[in-house]
N, C-alpha and C. Protein backbone atom coordinates (compact mmCIF):
# COMPACT_ATOMS: atom_id res chain seq x y z
N MET A 1 1.56 27.99 61.69
CA MET A 1 2.94 28.06 61.96
C MET A 1 3.26 26.87 60.35
N PRO A 2 3.66 27.53 59.21
CA PRO A 2 4.12 27.04 58.13
C PRO A 2 4.40 26.00 57.51
N VAL A 3 4.45 24.76 57.13
CA VAL A 3 4.92 23.68 56.85
C VAL A 3 6.40 24.01 55.69
N SER A 4 7.25 23.39 56.72
CA SER A 4 8.44 23.20 55.92
C SER A 4 8.47 22.14 54.45
N LYS A 5 9.07 23.00 53.00
CA LYS A 5 8.69 21.90 51.76
C LYS A 5 9.67 20.59 52.12
N LYS A 6 9.27 20.15 51.56
CA LYS A 6 10.13 18.47 51.96
C LYS A 6 10.86 18.33 50.81
N ARG A 7 12.39 18.04 51.20
CA ARG A 7 13.19 17.89 49.61
C ARG A 7 12.87 16.49 49.12
N LYS A 8 13.63 16.79 47.77
CA LYS A 8 13.04 15.56 46.50
C LYS A 8 14.38 14.98 46.82
N LYS A 9 13.60 13.92 46.69
CA LYS A 9 15.10 12.44 46.71
C LYS A 9 15.58 12.98 45.26
N LYS A 10 16.27 12.31 45.07
CA LYS A 10 17.16 12.08 43.94
C LYS A 10 16.89 10.78 43.19
N VAL A 11 16.80 10.85 42.62
CA VAL A 11 16.34 9.48 41.91
C VAL A 11 17.78 9.22 41.36
N ASP A 12 18.70 7.83 41.87
CA ASP A 12 19.67 7.24 40.92
C ASP A 12 19.28 6.44 40.49
N GLN A 13 20.21 7.10 39.06
CA GLN A 13 20.09 6.31 38.09
C GLN A 13 20.55 4.77 37.96
N ASP A 14 20.18 3.94 37.32
CA ASP A 14 21.09 2.24 37.36
C ASP A 14 22.12 2.36 37.42
N ILE A 15 22.89 2.02 38.52
CA ILE A 15 24.14 1.97 38.08
C ILE A 15 24.43 0.13 37.65
N ALA A 16 25.44 0.11 37.06
CA ALA A 16 25.90 -1.11 36.12
C ALA A 16 26.40 -1.59 37.01
N VAL A 17 26.37 -2.96 37.78
CA VAL A 17 27.58 -3.31 38.41
C VAL A 17 28.44 -4.44 37.89
N GLU A 18 29.47 -4.24 37.93
CA GLU A 18 30.69 -5.06 37.37
C GLU A 18 30.67 -6.08 38.17
N LEU A 19 30.55 -7.07 37.69
CA LEU A 19 31.46 -8.00 38.83
C LEU A 19 32.62 -8.95 38.19
N SER A 20 33.43 -9.20 38.72
CA SER A 20 34.47 -9.13 39.00
C SER A 20 34.77 -11.17 38.33
N PRO A 21 35.76 -11.45 37.41
CA PRO A 21 35.65 -13.36 37.78
C PRO A 21 36.32 -13.48 39.46
N ILE A 22 35.48 -14.68 38.84
CA ILE A 22 36.05 -15.86 40.51
C ILE A 22 37.12 -16.22 40.42
N ASP A 23 38.00 -15.48 41.23
CA ASP A 23 39.31 -15.81 41.12
C ASP A 23 39.12 -17.45 41.88
N GLU A 24 39.71 -18.47 41.51
CA GLU A 24 39.87 -19.60 41.65
C GLU A 24 41.10 -19.89 42.73
N SER A 25 41.54 -18.97 43.08
CA SER A 25 42.70 -19.17 43.91
C SER A 25 41.46 -18.81 46.02
N LEU A 26 41.06 -18.31 45.11
CA LEU A 26 39.87 -17.99 46.98
C LEU A 26 39.19 -19.59 46.73
N GLU A 27 38.69 -20.29 45.76
CA GLU A 27 37.69 -21.63 46.32
C GLU A 27 39.00 -22.80 47.14
N SER A 28 37.89 -23.64 47.51
CA SER A 28 38.46 -24.28 48.40
C SER A 28 39.26 -25.67 47.73
N PRO A 29 40.57 -26.21 48.01
CA PRO A 29 41.33 -27.54 47.59
C PRO A 29 39.95 -28.87 47.46
N SER A 30 40.06 -29.62 46.48
CA SER A 30 39.14 -30.81 46.78
C SER A 30 38.78 -31.29 47.84
N TRP A 31 40.15 -31.87 48.55
CA TRP A 31 40.37 -32.34 49.80
C TRP A 31 40.12 -32.04 51.01
N LEU A 32 39.38 -30.91 50.87
CA LEU A 32 39.13 -30.06 52.31
C LEU A 32 38.10 -31.01 53.10
N VAL A 33 36.95 -30.63 51.72
CA VAL A 33 35.74 -31.21 52.97
C VAL A 33 35.69 -32.71 53.35
N PRO A 34 36.44 -33.89 52.06
CA PRO A 34 36.19 -35.06 52.12
C PRO A 34 36.98 -34.75 53.98
N VAL A 35 38.38 -34.38 54.33
CA VAL A 35 39.11 -34.83 55.60
C VAL A 35 38.50 -34.09 56.54
N MET A 36 38.16 -32.66 56.06
CA MET A 36 37.48 -32.51 57.08
C MET A 36 36.14 -32.98 58.06
N ILE A 37 35.18 -33.30 57.21
CA ILE A 37 34.14 -34.31 57.35
C ILE A 37 34.56 -36.15 58.26
N ALA A 38 35.93 -36.69 57.65
CA ALA A 38 36.55 -37.75 58.31
C ALA A 38 37.22 -37.57 59.94
N SER A 39 37.11 -36.26 60.00
CA SER A 39 38.01 -35.95 61.03
C SER A 39 36.94 -35.35 62.19
N PHE A 40 36.22 -35.20 61.57
CA PHE A 40 34.42 -35.39 62.83
C PHE A 40 34.57 -36.14 63.30
N ILE A 41 34.20 -37.06 62.16
CA ILE A 41 33.74 -38.46 62.09
C ILE A 41 34.71 -39.66 62.77
N LEU A 42 36.34 -38.90 62.50
CA LEU A 42 36.91 -40.10 63.78
C LEU A 42 36.72 -39.44 65.04
N GLY A 43 36.69 -38.08 65.09
CA GLY A 43 36.70 -38.10 66.60
C GLY A 43 35.88 -38.50 67.18
N LEU A 44 34.65 -38.53 67.12
CA LEU A 44 33.45 -38.56 67.59
C LEU A 44 33.31 -39.94 67.40
N ILE A 45 34.04 -41.32 66.67
CA ILE A 45 33.80 -42.32 66.75
C ILE A 45 35.06 -43.09 67.75
N TRP A 46 35.55 -42.00 68.10
CA TRP A 46 37.53 -41.94 68.93
C TRP A 46 36.61 -42.03 70.59
N ILE A 47 36.20 -41.26 70.76
CA ILE A 47 35.48 -40.75 71.58
C ILE A 47 34.31 -41.77 72.06
N VAL A 48 33.44 -42.23 71.49
CA VAL A 48 32.47 -43.07 72.00
C VAL A 48 32.90 -44.76 71.85
N ILE A 49 33.82 -44.74 71.17
CA ILE A 49 34.68 -45.98 71.65
C ILE A 49 35.33 -45.89 73.46
N PHE A 50 35.84 -45.06 73.73
CA PHE A 50 36.40 -44.78 74.67
C PHE A 50 35.50 -45.02 75.83
N TYR A 51 34.32 -44.14 75.63
CA TYR A 51 33.07 -44.03 76.73
C TYR A 51 32.25 -45.34 76.47
N MET A 52 32.03 -46.46 75.34
CA MET A 52 31.17 -47.92 75.28
C MET A 52 32.28 -48.87 76.20
N THR A 53 33.58 -48.73 75.86
CA THR A 53 34.53 -50.11 76.16
C THR A 53 35.27 -49.45 78.08
N GLU A 54 34.28 -48.50 78.30
CA GLU A 54 34.92 -48.05 79.54
C GLU A 54 36.26 -47.75 79.51
N THR A 55 36.52 -47.33 79.22
CA THR A 55 37.97 -46.65 79.47
C THR A 55 38.99 -47.65 78.49
N ARG A 56 38.74 -48.60 78.20
CA ARG A 56 39.55 -49.57 77.41
C ARG A 56 40.30 -49.31 76.87
N TYR A 57 39.47 -49.08 75.61
CA TYR A 57 40.23 -48.95 73.89
C TYR A 57 39.64 -47.42 73.54
N PRO A 58 40.89 -47.15 72.46
CA PRO A 58 41.06 -47.31 71.34
C PRO A 58 42.60 -47.84 71.52
N VAL A 59 43.31 -47.16 72.46
CA VAL A 59 44.45 -47.84 72.69
C VAL A 59 44.62 -47.45 73.98
N PRO A 60 44.83 -48.70 74.48
CA PRO A 60 44.73 -49.00 76.73
C PRO A 60 46.23 -48.34 76.91
N SER A 61 47.32 -48.23 76.20
CA SER A 61 48.32 -47.14 77.12
C SER A 61 47.99 -45.81 77.13
N LEU A 62 47.32 -45.88 76.66
CA LEU A 62 46.87 -43.94 76.72
C LEU A 62 45.73 -43.69 77.73
N GLY A 63 44.76 -44.49 78.28
CA GLY A 63 43.98 -44.84 79.35
C GLY A 63 43.44 -42.88 79.01
N SER A 64 42.65 -42.27 80.14
CA SER A 64 42.10 -41.15 79.76
C SER A 64 42.83 -40.47 78.76
N TRP A 65 43.44 -40.33 78.20
CA TRP A 65 44.99 -39.46 76.93
C TRP A 65 44.36 -39.82 75.56
N ASN A 66 43.48 -40.73 75.77
CA ASN A 66 42.41 -40.99 74.35
C ASN A 66 41.70 -39.80 74.42
N MET A 67 40.60 -39.37 75.28
CA MET A 67 39.73 -37.84 75.01
C MET A 67 40.49 -37.35 74.22
N LEU A 68 41.55 -36.73 74.81
CA LEU A 68 42.46 -35.71 73.93
C LEU A 68 42.57 -35.67 72.55
N VAL A 69 42.93 -36.82 72.30
CA VAL A 69 42.74 -37.84 70.96
C VAL A 69 42.00 -37.93 70.49
N GLY A 70 40.78 -37.79 70.55
CA GLY A 70 39.31 -37.54 69.81
C GLY A 70 39.47 -35.79 69.79
N PHE A 71 39.27 -35.47 70.89
CA PHE A 71 38.68 -33.84 70.65
C PHE A 71 39.84 -33.22 69.82
N GLY A 72 41.23 -34.11 69.68
CA GLY A 72 42.31 -33.81 68.73
C GLY A 72 41.82 -33.58 67.02
N PHE A 73 40.78 -34.52 66.88
CA PHE A 73 40.84 -35.20 65.54
C PHE A 73 39.58 -33.80 65.08
N ILE A 74 38.75 -33.82 66.18
CA ILE A 74 37.40 -32.97 66.29
C ILE A 74 38.36 -31.75 65.86
N SER A 75 38.89 -31.22 66.57
CA SER A 75 39.86 -29.95 66.66
C SER A 75 40.87 -29.82 64.83
N VAL A 76 41.10 -30.61 64.59
CA VAL A 76 41.30 -30.33 63.68
C VAL A 76 40.19 -30.03 62.02
N GLY A 77 39.37 -30.77 62.34
CA GLY A 77 37.89 -31.02 61.55
C GLY A 77 37.52 -29.28 61.75
N PHE A 78 37.38 -28.54 63.21
CA PHE A 78 36.47 -27.35 63.07
C PHE A 78 37.88 -26.40 62.41
N THR A 79 39.34 -26.89 62.54
CA THR A 79 40.10 -25.44 61.81
C THR A 79 40.19 -25.43 60.53
N LEU A 80 39.86 -27.10 59.70
CA LEU A 80 39.42 -27.14 58.24
C LEU A 80 38.28 -26.50 58.14
N ALA A 81 37.31 -26.34 58.95
CA ALA A 81 36.35 -25.65 58.12
C ALA A 81 36.12 -24.21 57.88
N THR A 82 37.06 -23.65 58.40
CA THR A 82 36.81 -22.49 58.85
C THR A 82 38.23 -21.66 57.66
N ARG A 83 38.23 -23.12 57.06
CA ARG A 83 39.79 -22.20 55.71
C ARG A 83 38.38 -23.03 54.29
N TRP A 84 37.35 -23.57 54.91
CA TRP A 84 35.89 -24.30 53.72
C TRP A 84 35.86 -22.72 53.10
N ARG A 85 35.46 -22.49 51.82
CA ARG A 85 34.94 -21.51 50.86
C ARG A 85 33.65 -21.98 50.30
């Protein structure tokens, strides 16, 4: 059987890539990272205190709702993390 001819690949010439200037509106505000980290840490500390004091603190009148407050702080941290660029 005859062997088919192989196609010659065209060599693309170097294509100059134009880089657009960085749009400053895409950058994160300077307050975002510190607030995000503080929110994570505050939520973690809130939950740890809740467990270590056998559900008496940080706010005794809330009872088990203290867990929701701790996870609320952590949720705020995750929400801010999605906006970090």
